[in-house]
């Protein structure tokens, strides 16, 4: 029995579809993997750290207080429809 897709499931599908669409439609030499290769050539440490940090976030390897993605997502929402400052 298939369970209904949750919001996070839909986000992963959209992300995958966007990456695939870009890689099919992009100018020659501009796939995301080719761009990442350029970054690794020009900024190897920063590129690898960013990729590994993001992977660690996705696998819940970092404690919430040390995870920048989690900290940013926990910030109070701004400009809500009925929000008055």
N, C-alpha and C. Protein backbone atom coordinates (compact mmCIF):
# COMPACT_ATOMS: atom_id res chain seq x y z
N UNK A 1 0.85 -1.19 0.00
CA UNK A 1 0.00 0.00 0.00
C UNK A 1 0.89 1.25 0.00
N UNK A 2 0.61 2.12 -0.93
CA UNK A 2 1.41 3.33 -1.05
C UNK A 2 0.86 4.42 -0.14
N UNK A 3 1.75 5.06 0.60
CA UNK A 3 1.36 6.16 1.47
C UNK A 3 1.34 7.45 0.67
N UNK A 4 0.48 8.39 1.06
CA UNK A 4 0.45 9.67 0.34
C UNK A 4 1.79 10.40 0.51
N UNK A 5 2.15 11.15 -0.51
CA UNK A 5 3.39 11.91 -0.45
C UNK A 5 3.27 13.04 0.56
N UNK A 6 4.28 13.18 1.36
CA UNK A 6 4.35 14.29 2.31
C UNK A 6 5.05 15.47 1.66
N UNK A 7 5.00 16.61 2.30
CA UNK A 7 5.60 17.83 1.74
C UNK A 7 7.09 17.63 1.44
N UNK A 8 7.82 16.99 2.34
CA UNK A 8 9.24 16.76 2.11
C UNK A 8 9.49 15.83 0.93
N UNK A 9 8.62 14.84 0.74
CA UNK A 9 8.73 13.95 -0.41
C UNK A 9 8.57 14.73 -1.72
N UNK A 10 7.58 15.61 -1.73
CA UNK A 10 7.32 16.43 -2.91
C UNK A 10 8.49 17.37 -3.18
N UNK A 11 9.09 17.89 -2.11
CA UNK A 11 10.25 18.77 -2.27
C UNK A 11 11.42 18.02 -2.91
N UNK A 12 11.66 16.76 -2.48
CA UNK A 12 12.74 15.96 -3.08
C UNK A 12 12.46 15.68 -4.54
N UNK A 13 11.22 15.37 -4.88
CA UNK A 13 10.86 15.12 -6.27
C UNK A 13 11.09 16.39 -7.10
N UNK A 14 10.66 17.53 -6.58
CA UNK A 14 10.84 18.79 -7.29
C UNK A 14 12.32 19.11 -7.47
N UNK A 15 13.11 18.89 -6.44
CA UNK A 15 14.55 19.15 -6.52
C UNK A 15 15.19 18.26 -7.58
N UNK A 16 14.88 16.98 -7.55
CA UNK A 16 15.42 16.05 -8.55
C UNK A 16 15.00 16.43 -9.95
N UNK A 17 13.72 16.80 -10.12
CA UNK A 17 13.22 17.20 -11.44
C UNK A 17 13.91 18.47 -11.92
N UNK A 18 14.15 19.41 -11.01
CA UNK A 18 14.81 20.66 -11.39
C UNK A 18 16.25 20.40 -11.82
N UNK A 19 16.95 19.54 -11.10
CA UNK A 19 18.34 19.21 -11.46
C UNK A 19 18.37 18.52 -12.82
N UNK A 20 17.51 17.54 -13.01
CA UNK A 20 17.46 16.83 -14.28
C UNK A 20 17.11 17.78 -15.43
N UNK A 21 16.11 18.63 -15.21
CA UNK A 21 15.70 19.59 -16.25
C UNK A 21 16.86 20.52 -16.60
N UNK A 22 17.54 21.04 -15.58
CA UNK A 22 18.68 21.93 -15.85
C UNK A 22 19.75 21.20 -16.65
N UNK A 23 20.10 19.99 -16.22
CA UNK A 23 21.17 19.26 -16.90
C UNK A 23 20.80 18.90 -18.34
N UNK A 24 19.52 18.77 -18.64
CA UNK A 24 19.08 18.50 -20.01
C UNK A 24 19.08 19.78 -20.85
N UNK A 25 18.67 20.89 -20.25
CA UNK A 25 18.44 22.13 -21.00
C UNK A 25 19.57 23.15 -20.93
N UNK A 26 20.55 22.94 -20.09
CA UNK A 26 21.57 23.96 -19.86
C UNK A 26 22.51 24.10 -21.07
N UNK A 27 23.21 25.23 -21.12
CA UNK A 27 24.22 25.38 -22.17
C UNK A 27 25.32 24.33 -22.00
N UNK A 28 26.01 24.00 -23.07
CA UNK A 28 27.10 23.02 -22.98
C UNK A 28 28.13 23.43 -21.92
N UNK A 29 28.53 22.44 -21.13
CA UNK A 29 29.54 22.69 -20.10
C UNK A 29 28.99 23.29 -18.82
N UNK A 30 27.67 23.43 -18.71
CA UNK A 30 27.07 24.09 -17.55
C UNK A 30 26.19 23.17 -16.71
N UNK A 31 26.35 21.84 -16.81
CA UNK A 31 25.60 20.97 -15.90
C UNK A 31 26.04 21.28 -14.48
N UNK A 32 25.24 20.89 -13.53
CA UNK A 32 25.60 21.15 -12.14
C UNK A 32 26.88 20.42 -11.75
N UNK A 33 27.07 19.21 -12.27
CA UNK A 33 28.30 18.49 -11.95
C UNK A 33 29.51 19.16 -12.59
N UNK A 34 29.35 19.70 -13.79
CA UNK A 34 30.47 20.42 -14.43
C UNK A 34 30.79 21.71 -13.68
N UNK A 35 29.76 22.41 -13.22
CA UNK A 35 29.98 23.61 -12.43
C UNK A 35 30.68 23.27 -11.12
N UNK A 36 30.24 22.18 -10.49
CA UNK A 36 30.89 21.75 -9.25
C UNK A 36 32.35 21.40 -9.49
N UNK A 37 32.64 20.77 -10.61
CA UNK A 37 34.03 20.45 -10.95
C UNK A 37 34.86 21.73 -11.08
N UNK A 38 34.28 22.76 -11.71
CA UNK A 38 34.99 24.05 -11.82
C UNK A 38 35.27 24.61 -10.44
N UNK A 39 34.26 24.57 -9.55
CA UNK A 39 34.45 25.11 -8.21
C UNK A 39 35.52 24.32 -7.46
N UNK A 40 35.53 23.00 -7.64
CA UNK A 40 36.52 22.16 -6.97
C UNK A 40 37.92 22.49 -7.47
N UNK A 41 38.02 22.89 -8.72
CA UNK A 41 39.32 23.27 -9.28
C UNK A 41 39.79 24.61 -8.74
N UNK A 42 38.86 25.57 -8.64
CA UNK A 42 39.25 26.93 -8.23
C UNK A 42 39.18 27.15 -6.72
N UNK A 43 38.28 26.46 -6.05
CA UNK A 43 38.10 26.60 -4.59
C UNK A 43 37.89 25.22 -3.98
N UNK A 44 38.91 24.37 -4.02
CA UNK A 44 38.72 22.97 -3.62
C UNK A 44 38.25 22.79 -2.18
N UNK A 45 38.86 23.46 -1.25
CA UNK A 45 38.49 23.26 0.16
C UNK A 45 37.07 23.74 0.42
N UNK A 46 36.74 24.95 -0.02
CA UNK A 46 35.41 25.51 0.23
C UNK A 46 34.33 24.65 -0.41
N UNK A 47 34.58 24.18 -1.63
CA UNK A 47 33.59 23.36 -2.33
C UNK A 47 33.36 22.05 -1.60
N UNK A 48 34.42 21.38 -1.23
CA UNK A 48 34.28 20.09 -0.55
C UNK A 48 33.63 20.26 0.82
N UNK A 49 34.00 21.31 1.54
CA UNK A 49 33.39 21.56 2.85
C UNK A 49 31.90 21.81 2.70
N UNK A 50 31.51 22.62 1.71
CA UNK A 50 30.08 22.91 1.51
C UNK A 50 29.30 21.64 1.17
N UNK A 51 29.86 20.81 0.31
CA UNK A 51 29.17 19.57 -0.08
C UNK A 51 29.08 18.62 1.12
N UNK A 52 30.18 18.44 1.83
CA UNK A 52 30.18 17.53 2.99
C UNK A 52 29.29 18.05 4.11
N UNK A 53 29.30 19.36 4.33
CA UNK A 53 28.44 19.94 5.37
C UNK A 53 26.97 19.73 5.03
N UNK A 54 26.60 19.95 3.76
CA UNK A 54 25.23 19.75 3.33
C UNK A 54 24.83 18.29 3.47
N UNK A 55 25.71 17.37 3.08
CA UNK A 55 25.43 15.94 3.23
C UNK A 55 25.25 15.59 4.70
N UNK A 56 26.09 16.14 5.56
CA UNK A 56 25.94 15.89 7.00
C UNK A 56 24.61 16.38 7.53
N UNK A 57 24.17 17.52 7.04
CA UNK A 57 22.86 18.05 7.43
C UNK A 57 21.75 17.08 7.02
N UNK A 58 21.81 16.63 5.77
CA UNK A 58 20.77 15.74 5.25
C UNK A 58 20.73 14.41 5.99
N UNK A 59 21.86 13.98 6.54
CA UNK A 59 21.92 12.71 7.26
C UNK A 59 21.82 12.90 8.78
N UNK A 60 21.52 14.13 9.20
CA UNK A 60 21.39 14.44 10.63
C UNK A 60 22.64 14.09 11.42
N UNK A 61 23.81 14.38 10.85
CA UNK A 61 25.06 14.11 11.54
C UNK A 61 25.45 15.22 12.51
N UNK A 62 24.94 16.42 12.28
CA UNK A 62 25.31 17.56 13.12
C UNK A 62 24.25 17.78 14.21
N UNK A 63 24.68 18.11 15.42
CA UNK A 63 23.69 18.47 16.44
C UNK A 63 22.95 19.73 15.99
N UNK A 64 21.67 19.85 16.32
CA UNK A 64 20.88 20.99 15.83
C UNK A 64 21.54 22.34 16.10
N UNK A 65 22.17 22.50 17.26
CA UNK A 65 22.77 23.79 17.58
C UNK A 65 24.02 24.09 16.74
N UNK A 66 24.58 23.07 16.07
CA UNK A 66 25.76 23.26 15.21
C UNK A 66 25.40 23.19 13.73
N UNK A 67 24.14 23.01 13.42
CA UNK A 67 23.70 22.86 12.03
C UNK A 67 23.13 24.18 11.53
N UNK A 68 23.88 24.86 10.66
CA UNK A 68 23.43 26.16 10.16
C UNK A 68 22.11 26.08 9.43
N UNK A 69 21.89 25.02 8.66
CA UNK A 69 20.62 24.87 7.94
C UNK A 69 19.46 24.82 8.94
N UNK A 70 19.61 24.02 9.99
CA UNK A 70 18.57 23.90 11.01
C UNK A 70 18.36 25.23 11.73
N UNK A 71 19.45 25.91 12.05
CA UNK A 71 19.35 27.19 12.74
C UNK A 71 18.63 28.24 11.88
N UNK A 72 18.94 28.28 10.60
CA UNK A 72 18.29 29.24 9.71
C UNK A 72 16.80 28.91 9.55
N UNK A 73 16.49 27.61 9.39
CA UNK A 73 15.09 27.21 9.23
C UNK A 73 14.28 27.51 10.48
N UNK A 74 14.93 27.58 11.64
CA UNK A 74 14.23 27.84 12.90
C UNK A 74 14.02 29.32 13.17
N UNK A 75 14.59 30.19 12.33
CA UNK A 75 14.39 31.63 12.53
C UNK A 75 12.91 31.96 12.37
N UNK A 76 12.44 32.97 13.09
CA UNK A 76 11.02 33.33 12.96
C UNK A 76 10.70 33.76 11.53
N UNK A 77 9.56 33.32 11.03
CA UNK A 77 9.17 33.73 9.68
C UNK A 77 8.96 35.25 9.61
N UNK A 78 9.27 35.80 8.47
CA UNK A 78 9.10 37.25 8.27
C UNK A 78 8.03 37.48 7.22
N UNK A 79 7.42 38.63 7.31
CA UNK A 79 6.45 39.07 6.31
C UNK A 79 5.28 38.10 6.13
N UNK A 80 4.79 37.55 7.23
CA UNK A 80 3.60 36.72 7.13
C UNK A 80 2.41 37.58 6.76
N UNK A 81 1.41 36.96 6.23
CA UNK A 81 0.23 37.69 5.75
C UNK A 81 -0.37 38.59 6.84
N UNK A 82 -0.57 38.05 8.02
CA UNK A 82 -1.20 38.80 9.12
C UNK A 82 -0.20 39.25 10.17
N UNK A 83 1.07 39.32 9.79
CA UNK A 83 2.12 39.68 10.74
C UNK A 83 2.26 41.20 10.78
N UNK A 84 2.20 41.74 11.98
CA UNK A 84 2.40 43.19 12.15
C UNK A 84 3.56 43.39 13.09
N UNK A 85 4.57 44.12 12.64
CA UNK A 85 5.75 44.35 13.48
C UNK A 85 5.51 45.44 14.48
